[in-house]
Protein backbone atom coordinates (compact mmCIF):
# COMPACT_ATOMS: atom_id res chain seq x y z
CA UNK A 1 87.76 13.86 -35.07
CA UNK A 2 90.39 12.77 -37.59
CA UNK A 3 92.55 9.68 -36.84
CA UNK A 4 95.94 10.46 -35.37
CA UNK A 5 94.84 13.70 -33.72
CA UNK A 6 95.80 14.01 -30.05
CA UNK A 7 93.40 15.96 -27.84
CA UNK A 8 94.21 17.41 -24.42
CA UNK A 9 91.12 18.27 -22.39
CA UNK A 10 90.98 20.96 -19.73
CA UNK A 11 88.90 20.72 -16.55
CA UNK A 12 85.79 22.65 -15.57
CA UNK A 13 86.15 25.71 -13.38
CA UNK A 14 84.29 25.50 -10.11
CA UNK A 15 84.23 29.18 -9.21
CA UNK A 16 82.29 32.17 -10.51
CA UNK A 17 83.99 35.28 -9.16
CA UNK A 18 82.56 38.72 -9.88
CA UNK A 19 84.63 41.80 -10.57
CA UNK A 20 82.85 44.35 -8.40
CA UNK A 21 79.69 46.45 -8.11
CA UNK A 22 80.13 48.26 -11.44
CA UNK A 23 80.70 45.25 -13.67
CA UNK A 24 80.11 41.54 -13.71
CA UNK A 25 83.01 40.74 -16.03
CA UNK A 26 85.94 38.88 -14.50
CA UNK A 27 88.81 37.41 -16.54
CA UNK A 28 91.48 35.28 -14.92
CA UNK A 29 94.26 33.39 -16.68
CA UNK A 30 92.66 34.15 -20.02
CA UNK A 31 89.25 32.72 -19.11
CA UNK A 32 86.13 34.82 -18.61
CA UNK A 33 83.32 34.12 -16.16
CA UNK A 34 79.61 33.31 -16.39
CA UNK A 35 76.83 34.85 -14.31
CA UNK A 36 73.38 33.38 -13.61
CA UNK A 37 70.06 35.00 -12.74
CA UNK A 38 66.32 34.53 -12.30
CA UNK A 39 65.71 37.33 -14.80
CA UNK A 40 66.82 38.52 -18.23
CA UNK A 41 70.41 39.77 -18.63
CA UNK A 42 70.39 42.21 -21.60
CA UNK A 43 73.74 43.35 -22.98
CA UNK A 44 75.20 46.63 -21.70
CA UNK A 45 72.44 46.98 -19.12
CA UNK A 46 74.25 45.64 -16.08
CA UNK A 47 72.71 48.30 -13.86
CA UNK A 48 69.39 46.51 -14.41
CA UNK A 49 70.70 43.17 -13.10
CA UNK A 50 69.03 42.67 -9.73
CA UNK A 51 69.32 38.98 -8.96
CA UNK A 52 72.71 37.67 -10.09
CA UNK A 53 74.03 34.98 -7.75
CA UNK A 54 75.78 31.65 -7.47
CA UNK A 55 73.18 29.69 -5.50
CA UNK A 56 69.51 28.98 -6.21
CA UNK A 57 66.86 27.09 -4.28
CA UNK A 58 63.66 25.44 -5.48
CA UNK A 59 61.21 26.57 -6.75
CA UNK A 60 63.36 29.36 -8.25
CA UNK A 61 64.08 29.15 -11.97
CA UNK A 62 67.44 29.99 -13.52
CA UNK A 63 66.20 32.09 -16.43
CA UNK A 64 69.40 33.19 -18.19
CA UNK A 65 73.15 33.27 -18.02
CA UNK A 66 75.67 35.66 -19.51
CA UNK A 67 79.26 34.61 -20.19
CA UNK A 68 82.13 37.02 -20.73
CA UNK A 69 85.08 36.26 -23.01
CA UNK A 70 88.68 37.39 -22.41
CA UNK A 71 88.59 39.26 -25.76
CA UNK A 72 86.55 39.58 -28.91
CA UNK A 73 86.23 36.30 -30.77
CA UNK A 74 88.08 37.64 -33.82
CA UNK A 75 91.03 38.54 -31.57
CA UNK A 76 91.25 34.90 -30.51
CA UNK A 77 91.65 33.70 -34.12
CA UNK A 78 95.41 34.33 -33.96
CA UNK A 79 95.83 31.66 -31.29
CA UNK A 80 96.98 28.25 -32.51
CA UNK A 81 100.08 28.19 -34.70
CA UNK A 82 99.01 25.03 -36.53
CA UNK A 83 95.24 25.20 -36.21
CA UNK A 84 92.33 27.00 -34.63
CA UNK A 85 88.82 25.53 -34.92
CA UNK A 86 87.20 28.97 -35.22
CA UNK A 87 89.67 30.14 -37.84
CA UNK A 88 89.89 26.90 -39.83
CA UNK A 89 86.52 25.19 -39.30
CA UNK A 90 84.26 28.02 -38.21
CA UNK A 91 83.40 26.15 -34.99
CA UNK A 92 83.51 26.61 -31.24
CA UNK A 93 81.51 24.85 -28.53
CA UNK A 94 79.61 25.09 -25.29
CA UNK A 95 79.23 22.26 -22.80
CA UNK A 96 76.70 22.14 -19.96
CA UNK A 97 77.12 19.56 -17.21
CA UNK A 98 74.65 19.14 -14.36
CA UNK A 99 75.90 16.98 -11.51
CA UNK A 100 74.58 15.84 -8.16
CA UNK A 101 76.50 16.16 -4.86
CA UNK A 102 79.03 13.58 -6.08
CA UNK A 103 80.46 15.94 -8.69
CA UNK A 104 81.81 14.55 -11.97
CA UNK A 105 81.02 10.98 -10.90
CA UNK A 106 77.41 11.99 -10.39
CA UNK A 107 76.48 13.40 -13.81
CA UNK A 108 72.80 13.96 -14.54
CA UNK A 109 72.98 16.01 -17.76
CA UNK A 110 75.87 16.48 -20.20
CA UNK A 111 75.13 18.60 -23.27
CA UNK A 112 77.87 19.62 -25.71
CA UNK A 113 76.81 21.69 -28.69
CA UNK A 114 78.70 23.37 -31.54
CA UNK A 115 78.39 27.05 -32.43
CA UNK A 116 79.22 28.58 -35.79
CA UNK A 117 81.93 31.21 -35.93
CA UNK A 118 81.30 33.80 -38.66
CA UNK A 119 81.73 37.49 -39.33
CA UNK A 120 78.39 38.00 -37.60
CA UNK A 121 79.82 37.00 -34.23
CA UNK A 122 83.42 38.17 -34.76
CA UNK A 123 83.00 41.22 -32.52
CA UNK A 124 81.34 39.31 -29.67
CA UNK A 125 83.16 39.54 -26.35
CA UNK A 126 80.32 37.94 -24.39
CA UNK A 127 77.17 35.94 -24.94
CA UNK A 128 73.74 35.57 -23.36
CA UNK A 129 71.66 32.40 -23.34
CA UNK A 130 68.20 31.35 -22.18
CA UNK A 131 67.95 28.62 -19.55
CA UNK A 132 64.28 29.17 -18.67
CA UNK A 133 62.75 25.65 -18.91
CA UNK A 134 59.47 27.18 -19.98
CA UNK A 135 60.98 28.89 -23.02
CA UNK A 136 61.41 26.72 -26.12
CA UNK A 137 64.32 28.98 -27.16
CA UNK A 138 66.41 27.55 -24.31
CA UNK A 139 69.95 26.37 -25.08
CA UNK A 140 69.74 23.16 -23.04
CA UNK A 141 67.38 20.81 -24.90
CA UNK A 142 66.21 17.48 -23.53
CA UNK A 143 63.89 14.63 -24.49
CA UNK A 144 64.56 12.70 -21.28
CA UNK A 145 61.34 12.58 -19.24
CA UNK A 146 63.42 12.78 -16.06
CA UNK A 147 64.92 16.14 -17.02
CA UNK A 148 62.74 17.70 -19.72
CA UNK A 149 60.13 20.40 -19.29
CA UNK A 150 56.99 20.51 -21.49
CA UNK A 151 58.92 22.94 -23.71
CA UNK A 152 61.63 20.35 -24.34
CA UNK A 153 64.23 22.10 -22.21
CA UNK A 154 66.31 20.86 -19.31
CA UNK A 155 64.51 21.77 -16.09
CA UNK A 156 67.29 21.89 -13.50
CA UNK A 157 64.89 21.55 -10.57
CA UNK A 158 63.09 18.59 -12.12
CA UNK A 159 66.36 16.86 -13.04
CA UNK A 160 67.78 17.22 -9.53
CA UNK A 161 64.50 16.19 -7.91
CA UNK A 162 64.50 13.02 -10.00
CA UNK A 163 68.12 12.28 -9.05
CA UNK A 164 67.47 12.98 -5.37
CA UNK A 165 64.97 10.12 -5.11
CA UNK A 166 63.32 11.72 -2.13
CA UNK A 167 66.52 12.50 -0.21
CA UNK A 168 66.35 16.24 0.54
CA UNK A 169 67.91 18.73 0.66
CA UNK A 170 69.74 17.78 -2.53
CA UNK A 171 72.26 20.18 -4.06
CA UNK A 172 73.64 19.90 -7.57
CA UNK A 173 75.87 22.08 -9.71
CA UNK A 174 75.30 23.32 -13.25
CA UNK A 175 78.64 24.10 -14.92
CA UNK A 176 79.36 25.58 -18.33
CA UNK A 177 82.47 25.76 -20.51
CA UNK A 178 82.69 27.71 -23.77
CA UNK A 179 85.76 26.75 -25.80
CA UNK A 180 87.46 26.21 -29.13
CA UNK A 181 90.26 23.84 -30.13
CA UNK A 182 93.73 24.90 -31.18
CA UNK A 183 97.11 23.37 -31.89
CA UNK A 184 100.57 24.83 -31.54
CA UNK A 185 102.62 21.67 -31.96
CA UNK A 186 102.65 18.21 -33.52
CA UNK A 187 103.94 14.91 -32.20
CA UNK A 188 105.07 12.34 -34.80
CA UNK A 189 103.26 14.38 -37.42
CA UNK A 190 99.96 14.48 -35.54
CA UNK A 191 98.72 17.87 -34.27
CA UNK A 192 98.21 18.11 -30.53
CA UNK A 193 94.79 19.69 -30.08
CA UNK A 194 94.23 21.67 -26.91
CA UNK A 195 90.84 22.76 -25.60
CA UNK A 196 91.10 26.53 -25.27
CA UNK A 197 88.52 27.53 -22.70
CA UNK A 198 87.33 31.14 -23.13
CA UNK A 199 84.55 31.26 -20.55
CA UNK A 200 83.42 29.07 -17.67
CA UNK A 201 81.37 29.05 -14.50
CA UNK A 202 79.20 27.02 -12.15
CA UNK A 203 76.10 27.65 -10.11
CA UNK A 204 74.58 25.60 -7.29
CA UNK A 205 70.92 24.60 -7.11
CA UNK A 206 69.26 23.03 -4.06
CA UNK A 207 66.01 21.09 -4.05
CA UNK A 208 64.62 21.40 -0.53
CA UNK A 209 61.62 19.04 -0.58
């Protein structure tokens, strides 16, 4: 971050509404939703999704999520009169936060990672990611013995079980934001950067014993 740049951060969404039986896409106030499942979520095969939900219980594994954008990424390049991180820097981000029952004051995992914007992803209006802790291709990496699986991924069940310290049932929330930064104005010559969230959602996970 350059000196003199002002950043305004948005908050995480805490809901994950679905649009109906025919589609899982839901866009509200310019922000798309994320869905979570114990199975693979291949693109354009929503009729094959059989276990999409907002709550999971041990020993279930959250295998994948799919997040929907409000528009194609290249259509979002026009946002930001002064700057747009995808347009100007070729960057946007995802941030995963796992919390215990105390919410933001009870953070267990916080992973923010950059993604490259390029012509190869310009037409994307959604994305799919692996959360399976047994798959080394997972998007949430960890070296913390309290949270990491043998594959080096965040194991949500293991992380919450460690945080619970034997007090069950213990319910945490895994939340995700996908966003880029933009600026439409400057104050005293410094651009005011705003986090432009394009997709967000949370899911609950309960460790029972």
